[in-house]
Protein backbone atom coordinates (compact mmCIF):
# COMPACT_ATOMS: atom_id res chain seq x y z
CA UNK A 1 281.20 -51.21 -19.34
CA UNK A 2 283.50 -49.56 -21.96
CA UNK A 3 285.20 -46.07 -21.53
CA UNK A 4 285.68 -43.75 -24.53
CA UNK A 5 288.01 -41.02 -24.33
CA UNK A 6 289.15 -38.18 -26.72
CA UNK A 7 292.20 -36.24 -26.81
CA UNK A 8 291.52 -32.35 -27.39
CA UNK A 9 294.76 -30.55 -28.35
CA UNK A 10 295.31 -26.64 -29.02
CA UNK A 11 298.15 -26.57 -31.40
CA UNK A 12 301.04 -24.13 -31.14
CA UNK A 13 299.95 -20.62 -32.26
CA UNK A 14 303.61 -19.49 -32.82
CA UNK A 15 306.79 -20.99 -33.82
CA UNK A 16 308.64 -22.68 -31.10
CA UNK A 17 311.58 -21.19 -29.46
CA UNK A 18 314.60 -21.50 -31.25
CA UNK A 19 317.25 -24.07 -30.22
CA UNK A 20 320.81 -22.77 -28.92
CA UNK A 21 322.47 -23.98 -32.50
CA UNK A 22 319.74 -22.06 -34.42
CA UNK A 23 320.80 -18.80 -32.53
CA UNK A 24 324.52 -19.47 -33.25
CA UNK A 25 323.74 -20.13 -36.88
CA UNK A 26 321.83 -16.92 -37.42
CA UNK A 27 324.59 -15.17 -35.69
CA UNK A 28 326.96 -16.60 -37.99
CA UNK A 29 324.76 -15.62 -40.91
CA UNK A 30 324.36 -12.03 -39.76
CA UNK A 31 328.46 -11.80 -39.43
CA UNK A 32 328.67 -13.06 -42.94
CA UNK A 33 326.11 -10.63 -44.43
CA UNK A 34 328.22 -7.86 -43.35
CA UNK A 35 330.41 -8.55 -46.32
CA UNK A 36 327.42 -7.81 -48.73
CA UNK A 37 327.69 -4.32 -47.49
CA UNK A 38 331.16 -3.66 -49.11
CA UNK A 39 331.31 -1.76 -52.50
CA UNK A 40 332.59 -4.04 -55.01
CA UNK A 41 334.10 -3.19 -58.37
CA UNK A 42 331.40 -3.35 -61.15
CA UNK A 43 333.43 -5.96 -63.14
CA UNK A 44 332.97 -8.18 -59.96
CA UNK A 45 329.21 -7.36 -59.77
CA UNK A 46 328.50 -7.81 -63.18
CA UNK A 47 330.77 -10.69 -63.86
CA UNK A 48 327.64 -13.24 -63.85
CA UNK A 49 329.60 -15.84 -62.04
CA UNK A 50 328.08 -18.21 -59.59
CA UNK A 51 328.43 -16.83 -56.11
CA UNK A 52 329.12 -13.24 -57.07
CA UNK A 53 328.28 -10.72 -54.43
CA UNK A 54 324.61 -9.28 -55.30
CA UNK A 55 324.22 -5.55 -55.04
CA UNK A 56 322.89 -4.14 -51.88
CA UNK A 57 319.08 -3.24 -51.86
CA UNK A 58 319.31 -0.68 -49.38
CA UNK A 59 319.97 0.14 -45.80
CA UNK A 60 318.83 -2.48 -43.15
CA UNK A 61 315.21 -1.97 -42.36
CA UNK A 62 314.40 -1.25 -38.53
CA UNK A 63 311.27 -3.15 -37.35
CA UNK A 64 308.60 -0.90 -35.89
CA UNK A 65 307.84 -1.19 -32.17
CA UNK A 66 304.26 -1.97 -32.97
CA UNK A 67 305.47 -5.14 -34.57
CA UNK A 68 307.61 -5.92 -31.96
CA UNK A 69 304.75 -5.84 -29.61
CA UNK A 70 302.70 -8.18 -31.57
CA UNK A 71 305.46 -10.80 -31.60
CA UNK A 72 305.55 -11.07 -27.84
CA UNK A 73 305.56 -14.70 -26.72
CA UNK A 74 304.46 -14.06 -23.19
CA UNK A 75 300.76 -13.27 -22.61
CA UNK A 76 298.86 -11.83 -19.86
CA UNK A 77 297.68 -15.43 -19.09
CA UNK A 78 301.15 -16.53 -18.84
CA UNK A 79 301.88 -13.89 -16.30
CA UNK A 80 298.83 -14.60 -14.35
CA UNK A 81 299.51 -18.21 -14.54
CA UNK A 82 295.93 -18.99 -15.87
CA UNK A 83 295.84 -22.67 -16.54
CA UNK A 84 292.26 -22.33 -17.84
CA UNK A 85 293.01 -19.96 -20.80
CA UNK A 86 294.07 -20.89 -24.51
CA UNK A 87 296.03 -17.72 -24.63
CA UNK A 88 298.97 -19.26 -22.72
CA UNK A 89 302.16 -21.25 -23.70
CA UNK A 90 301.67 -20.14 -27.37
CA UNK A 91 304.43 -22.26 -28.57
CA UNK A 92 303.27 -25.44 -26.99
CA UNK A 93 300.66 -27.65 -27.44
CA UNK A 94 298.03 -27.55 -24.95
CA UNK A 95 295.68 -30.59 -23.98
CA UNK A 96 292.39 -30.65 -22.01
CA UNK A 97 292.34 -32.76 -18.91
CA UNK A 98 289.39 -33.06 -16.67
CA UNK A 99 289.72 -34.15 -13.03
CA UNK A 100 287.87 -37.40 -12.30
CA UNK A 101 287.88 -39.20 -8.84
CA UNK A 102 290.97 -37.14 -7.79
CA UNK A 103 293.03 -38.04 -11.12
CA UNK A 104 293.45 -35.87 -14.10
CA UNK A 105 292.37 -37.73 -17.26
CA UNK A 106 291.24 -37.15 -20.81
CA UNK A 107 287.68 -36.15 -21.17
CA UNK A 108 285.56 -39.42 -21.65
CA UNK A 109 282.19 -41.26 -21.01
CA UNK A 110 281.41 -44.68 -19.88
CA UNK A 111 279.20 -46.72 -22.34
CA UNK A 112 276.57 -49.21 -21.13
CA UNK A 113 276.38 -52.66 -22.76
CA UNK A 114 273.78 -51.68 -25.26
CA UNK A 115 275.62 -48.65 -26.49
CA UNK A 116 278.07 -48.83 -29.20
CA UNK A 117 280.73 -46.40 -30.89
């Protein structure tokens, strides 16, 4: 008797949470961008030299609350600890497991000798 199993995966729906070093880098970049808000003389702005500061395109944009609500990574299924829902742990891969004989395994089927794959 042969046993055939398969892995069923739900891939991440959102980007994974950033690492600590990524957060530190973003903070550093935000501090460096503060210098782009200064008023530079036109001779510097129009110098065309590589690395010259660019003109500001306008005030920073505020993200509407509706968009921030859509970006929430914790779902109702996460809060309810619903482990049968695919609407949970959006940044992680989920795998289908079945309970067989008291143990959790990948879904599979036993083949008889006369069956083939």
